[in-house]
């Protein structure tokens, strides 16, 4: 059992400082999660880790079984989930290499299974999603990031697109008008599913590139990988210092 879980995204396929005790593939009513859950300890704190895109990073964003992932983490006792995600920067301060802690979401996805409350219901169920991220968990992460002098953005709306393709410049212009500060492909329905199961959820977004049309030229995978390396190192530093005190 572990009361804190980490979901690792692109560029974050393992938790470096985790002293692994065992791995377990958890069966759920929604199928299997993306990968076996890795259990271990960090400074005496029991932690679980799940690779969102699978151990070999083979599952594209629109094919992730979000329901199985969140259900599996809830079933092993997770009360808090910290989600690591690679995103593109839209707002002027969202430069590559920074960490960002979104406080809002705008969902542009389609055709994803987005709720547990769908079949065999005794009544229709709604959740309050005014503030989609746990404010207490976000505050704890921001506090630790500032204490460790990490280069961060403390707020911003995360626009979630369907993927797996990157966005057009016109789409980013529309998203900027809508109020999006960053763009990614995995923010939803992950956050909403965690809320449905009453699990505290916060996102640490690693800005991997400027979004389409926000810089000269086109987006290259080489640039993304270069920025992700530095950004994910910061995410590891954040978790190494945050997990023992959360």
Protein backbone atom coordinates (compact mmCIF):
# COMPACT_ATOMS: atom_id res chain seq x y z
CA UNK A 1 0.00 0.00 0.00
CA UNK A 2 1.13 3.55 -0.74
CA UNK A 3 -0.77 6.75 -0.02
CA UNK A 4 1.18 8.84 -2.54
CA UNK A 5 1.39 7.92 -6.24
CA UNK A 6 3.36 9.45 -9.07
CA UNK A 7 2.21 9.22 -12.68
CA UNK A 8 5.15 9.70 -15.00
CA UNK A 9 4.67 11.08 -18.49
CA UNK A 10 6.88 11.57 -21.55
CA UNK A 11 10.52 11.75 -20.45
CA UNK A 12 9.71 10.51 -16.95
CA UNK A 13 9.49 6.73 -17.18
CA UNK A 14 10.96 5.95 -13.75
CA UNK A 15 11.48 7.52 -10.34
CA UNK A 16 15.25 7.67 -9.92
CA UNK A 17 15.40 7.96 -6.15
CA UNK A 18 12.84 5.21 -5.47
CA UNK A 19 14.11 2.20 -3.51
CA UNK A 20 11.97 -0.41 -5.26
CA UNK A 21 10.37 -3.12 -3.14
CA UNK A 22 8.14 -4.80 -5.72
CA UNK A 23 6.06 -4.39 -8.88
CA UNK A 24 2.43 -5.35 -9.37
CA UNK A 25 0.07 -5.39 -12.34
CA UNK A 26 -3.27 -4.41 -10.82
CA UNK A 27 -6.47 -5.73 -12.40
CA UNK A 28 -9.38 -3.26 -12.54
CA UNK A 29 -12.99 -3.33 -13.78
CA UNK A 30 -11.76 -1.13 -16.64
CA UNK A 31 -8.95 -3.36 -17.84
CA UNK A 32 -5.25 -3.20 -17.11
CA UNK A 33 -3.35 0.02 -16.36
CA UNK A 34 -0.59 1.25 -18.64
CA UNK A 35 2.11 -0.70 -16.80
CA UNK A 36 2.78 -2.55 -13.56
CA UNK A 37 2.73 -0.25 -10.55
CA UNK A 38 6.18 0.10 -9.01
CA UNK A 39 6.23 0.25 -5.20
CA UNK A 40 9.07 1.54 -3.08
CA UNK A 41 10.35 3.95 -0.47
CA UNK A 42 11.77 7.47 -0.59
CA UNK A 43 13.27 8.61 2.72
CA UNK A 44 10.99 6.17 4.52
CA UNK A 45 7.86 7.31 2.66
CA UNK A 46 5.96 4.58 0.79
CA UNK A 47 5.40 5.66 -2.82
CA UNK A 48 3.86 4.09 -5.92
CA UNK A 49 4.89 4.92 -9.49
CA UNK A 50 2.99 4.34 -12.75
CA UNK A 51 4.31 5.05 -16.24
CA UNK A 52 1.38 6.67 -18.06
CA UNK A 53 2.55 5.64 -21.53
CA UNK A 54 3.76 2.16 -20.56
CA UNK A 55 7.21 0.95 -19.63
CA UNK A 56 8.50 1.35 -23.17
CA UNK A 57 6.58 4.57 -23.87
CA UNK A 58 4.42 2.86 -26.49
CA UNK A 59 0.91 4.09 -25.57
CA UNK A 60 -0.09 7.37 -27.28
CA UNK A 61 -2.06 9.94 -25.25
CA UNK A 62 -5.44 9.18 -26.80
CA UNK A 63 -5.02 5.44 -26.15
CA UNK A 64 -4.06 5.63 -22.47
CA UNK A 65 -6.53 3.72 -20.29
CA UNK A 66 -7.06 6.59 -17.87
CA UNK A 67 -9.88 4.83 -16.03
CA UNK A 68 -7.76 1.77 -15.31
CA UNK A 69 -4.78 3.88 -14.26
CA UNK A 70 -6.66 5.99 -11.73
CA UNK A 71 -8.73 3.07 -10.45
CA UNK A 72 -5.58 0.98 -9.95
CA UNK A 73 -3.86 3.75 -7.97
CA UNK A 74 -6.94 4.28 -5.80
CA UNK A 75 -7.18 0.54 -5.17
CA UNK A 76 -3.62 0.33 -3.80
CA UNK A 77 -4.40 3.06 -1.28
CA UNK A 78 -3.26 6.22 -3.05
CA UNK A 79 -4.80 9.32 -1.45
CA UNK A 80 -2.67 11.77 -3.42
CA UNK A 81 -1.50 11.68 -7.04
CA UNK A 82 1.23 13.88 -8.49
CA UNK A 83 1.10 13.78 -12.28
CA UNK A 84 4.21 14.66 -14.29
CA UNK A 85 3.41 15.82 -17.84
CA UNK A 86 5.32 17.30 -20.75
CA UNK A 87 3.62 20.38 -22.22
CA UNK A 88 4.11 23.17 -24.73
CA UNK A 89 4.35 26.76 -23.53
CA UNK A 90 1.78 29.29 -24.73
CA UNK A 91 1.89 32.13 -22.22
CA UNK A 92 4.94 34.39 -22.40
CA UNK A 93 6.50 33.15 -19.17
CA UNK A 94 6.09 29.46 -20.10
CA UNK A 95 9.56 29.05 -21.57
CA UNK A 96 11.05 25.61 -22.27
CA UNK A 97 12.76 23.93 -19.34
CA UNK A 98 10.54 25.48 -16.67
CA UNK A 99 8.19 23.63 -14.34
CA UNK A 100 4.57 24.80 -14.20
CA UNK A 101 1.78 24.02 -11.76
CA UNK A 102 -1.54 24.51 -13.57
CA UNK A 103 -4.55 25.61 -11.58
CA UNK A 104 -7.18 25.24 -14.31
CA UNK A 105 -7.99 22.97 -17.27
CA UNK A 106 -9.71 23.47 -20.60
CA UNK A 107 -10.60 20.17 -22.26
CA UNK A 108 -10.39 19.94 -26.07
CA UNK A 109 -10.29 16.13 -26.23
CA UNK A 110 -12.87 13.92 -27.89
CA UNK A 111 -13.95 10.27 -27.78
CA UNK A 112 -12.08 9.46 -24.55
CA UNK A 113 -13.80 7.54 -21.77
CA UNK A 114 -14.02 10.42 -19.33
CA UNK A 115 -15.98 9.20 -16.31
CA UNK A 116 -16.56 6.26 -13.97
CA UNK A 117 -20.20 7.33 -13.63
CA UNK A 118 -21.53 5.94 -16.90
CA UNK A 119 -23.16 2.53 -16.56
CA UNK A 120 -25.33 0.69 -14.00
CA UNK A 121 -26.02 3.84 -11.98
CA UNK A 122 -28.54 4.08 -9.16
CA UNK A 123 -28.64 7.82 -9.89
CA UNK A 124 -26.88 10.37 -12.09
CA UNK A 125 -23.70 11.57 -10.38
CA UNK A 126 -21.98 14.93 -10.85
CA UNK A 127 -18.72 16.18 -9.33
CA UNK A 128 -17.71 19.75 -8.55
CA UNK A 129 -14.78 20.57 -10.82
CA UNK A 130 -14.56 24.32 -10.28
CA UNK A 131 -10.98 23.96 -9.14
CA UNK A 132 -9.72 20.81 -10.90
CA UNK A 133 -6.47 20.44 -8.95
CA UNK A 134 -6.02 19.92 -5.22
CA UNK A 135 -5.14 23.34 -3.88
CA UNK A 136 -3.35 21.97 -0.82
CA UNK A 137 -1.21 19.55 -2.86
CA UNK A 138 -0.39 22.25 -5.42
CA UNK A 139 0.62 24.65 -2.64
CA UNK A 140 2.93 22.05 -1.11
CA UNK A 141 4.66 21.41 -4.45
CA UNK A 142 5.05 25.13 -5.19
CA UNK A 143 6.47 25.76 -1.71
CA UNK A 144 9.09 23.03 -2.10
CA UNK A 145 9.96 24.19 -5.65
CA UNK A 146 10.57 27.74 -4.41
CA UNK A 147 12.61 26.51 -1.44
CA UNK A 148 14.86 24.66 -3.89
CA UNK A 149 15.17 27.63 -6.26
CA UNK A 150 13.55 25.81 -9.18
CA UNK A 151 12.45 27.93 -12.13
CA UNK A 152 8.66 27.65 -12.05
CA UNK A 153 5.35 29.14 -13.13
CA UNK A 154 2.88 28.96 -10.25
CA UNK A 155 -0.37 28.97 -12.21
CA UNK A 156 -1.99 28.73 -15.63
CA UNK A 157 -4.70 26.88 -17.51
CA UNK A 158 -3.69 23.56 -19.05
CA UNK A 159 -5.35 23.07 -22.45
CA UNK A 160 -5.70 19.35 -23.17
CA UNK A 161 -5.76 18.34 -26.84
CA UNK A 162 -6.51 14.96 -28.37
CA UNK A 163 -3.14 14.16 -29.95
CA UNK A 164 -1.06 12.38 -30.91
CA UNK A 165 -0.25 15.09 -33.43
CA UNK A 166 0.97 18.46 -32.25
CA UNK A 167 -1.31 21.47 -32.73
CA UNK A 168 -1.46 23.95 -35.60
CA UNK A 169 -0.46 27.57 -35.05
CA UNK A 170 -4.11 28.58 -35.54
CA UNK A 171 -5.24 26.14 -32.87
CA UNK A 172 -2.71 27.58 -30.42
CA UNK A 173 -3.93 31.10 -31.24
CA UNK A 174 -7.47 29.98 -30.40
CA UNK A 175 -6.30 28.32 -27.20
CA UNK A 176 -4.45 31.47 -26.18
CA UNK A 177 -7.65 33.48 -26.71
CA UNK A 178 -9.45 30.92 -24.55
CA UNK A 179 -6.97 31.58 -21.74
CA UNK A 180 -4.67 28.56 -22.00
CA UNK A 181 -1.15 29.05 -20.66
CA UNK A 182 0.15 25.64 -21.75
CA UNK A 183 -0.91 22.75 -23.96
CA UNK A 184 -0.62 19.01 -23.40
CA UNK A 185 -2.38 15.79 -24.28
CA UNK A 186 -2.87 13.92 -21.00
CA UNK A 187 -4.40 16.39 -18.54
CA UNK A 188 -7.92 15.08 -19.16
CA UNK A 189 -9.72 12.95 -18.23
CA UNK A 190 -7.01 12.04 -15.72
CA UNK A 191 -7.73 14.95 -13.36
CA UNK A 192 -11.51 14.48 -13.47
CA UNK A 193 -11.27 10.74 -12.81
CA UNK A 194 -9.13 11.39 -9.76
CA UNK A 195 -11.76 13.85 -8.49
CA UNK A 196 -14.51 11.27 -9.04
CA UNK A 197 -12.63 8.82 -6.79
CA UNK A 198 -11.88 11.57 -4.24
CA UNK A 199 -8.12 11.39 -4.71
CA UNK A 200 -6.13 14.62 -4.32
CA UNK A 201 -4.50 15.34 -7.68
CA UNK A 202 -1.96 17.92 -8.82
CA UNK A 203 0.11 18.31 -11.97
CA UNK A 204 3.76 19.22 -12.33
CA UNK A 205 4.07 20.20 -15.99
CA UNK A 206 7.48 20.25 -17.64
CA UNK A 207 7.58 22.74 -20.49
CA UNK A 208 9.26 20.92 -23.36
CA UNK A 209 8.85 23.46 -26.18
CA UNK A 210 7.12 26.62 -27.28
CA UNK A 211 3.72 25.73 -28.69
CA UNK A 212 3.12 25.97 -32.44
CA UNK A 213 3.53 29.49 -33.78
CA UNK A 214 5.04 30.84 -30.54
CA UNK A 215 8.62 30.68 -31.84
CA UNK A 216 10.39 30.85 -35.20
CA UNK A 217 10.37 27.70 -37.29
CA UNK A 218 8.77 24.36 -36.58
CA UNK A 219 8.86 22.15 -33.50
CA UNK A 220 11.47 19.39 -33.65
CA UNK A 221 11.74 16.27 -31.52
CA UNK A 222 15.42 17.04 -30.94
CA UNK A 223 14.52 20.34 -29.28
CA UNK A 224 11.81 18.69 -27.20
CA UNK A 225 14.15 15.95 -25.97
CA UNK A 226 16.84 18.48 -25.08
CA UNK A 227 14.44 20.64 -23.07
CA UNK A 228 12.82 17.63 -21.44
CA UNK A 229 16.12 16.38 -20.05
CA UNK A 230 16.73 19.53 -18.04
CA UNK A 231 13.09 19.92 -17.09
CA UNK A 232 12.70 16.33 -15.92
CA UNK A 233 15.86 16.66 -13.82
CA UNK A 234 14.10 19.56 -12.06
CA UNK A 235 10.98 17.40 -11.61
CA UNK A 236 13.10 14.69 -9.96
CA UNK A 237 14.63 17.30 -7.64
CA UNK A 238 11.15 18.55 -6.77
CA UNK A 239 9.84 15.08 -5.92
CA UNK A 240 12.96 14.07 -4.01
CA UNK A 241 12.40 17.03 -1.68
CA UNK A 242 8.60 17.09 -1.68
CA UNK A 243 7.64 13.46 -1.14
CA UNK A 244 9.15 13.10 2.34
CA UNK A 245 7.23 16.13 3.64
CA UNK A 246 3.83 15.84 1.90
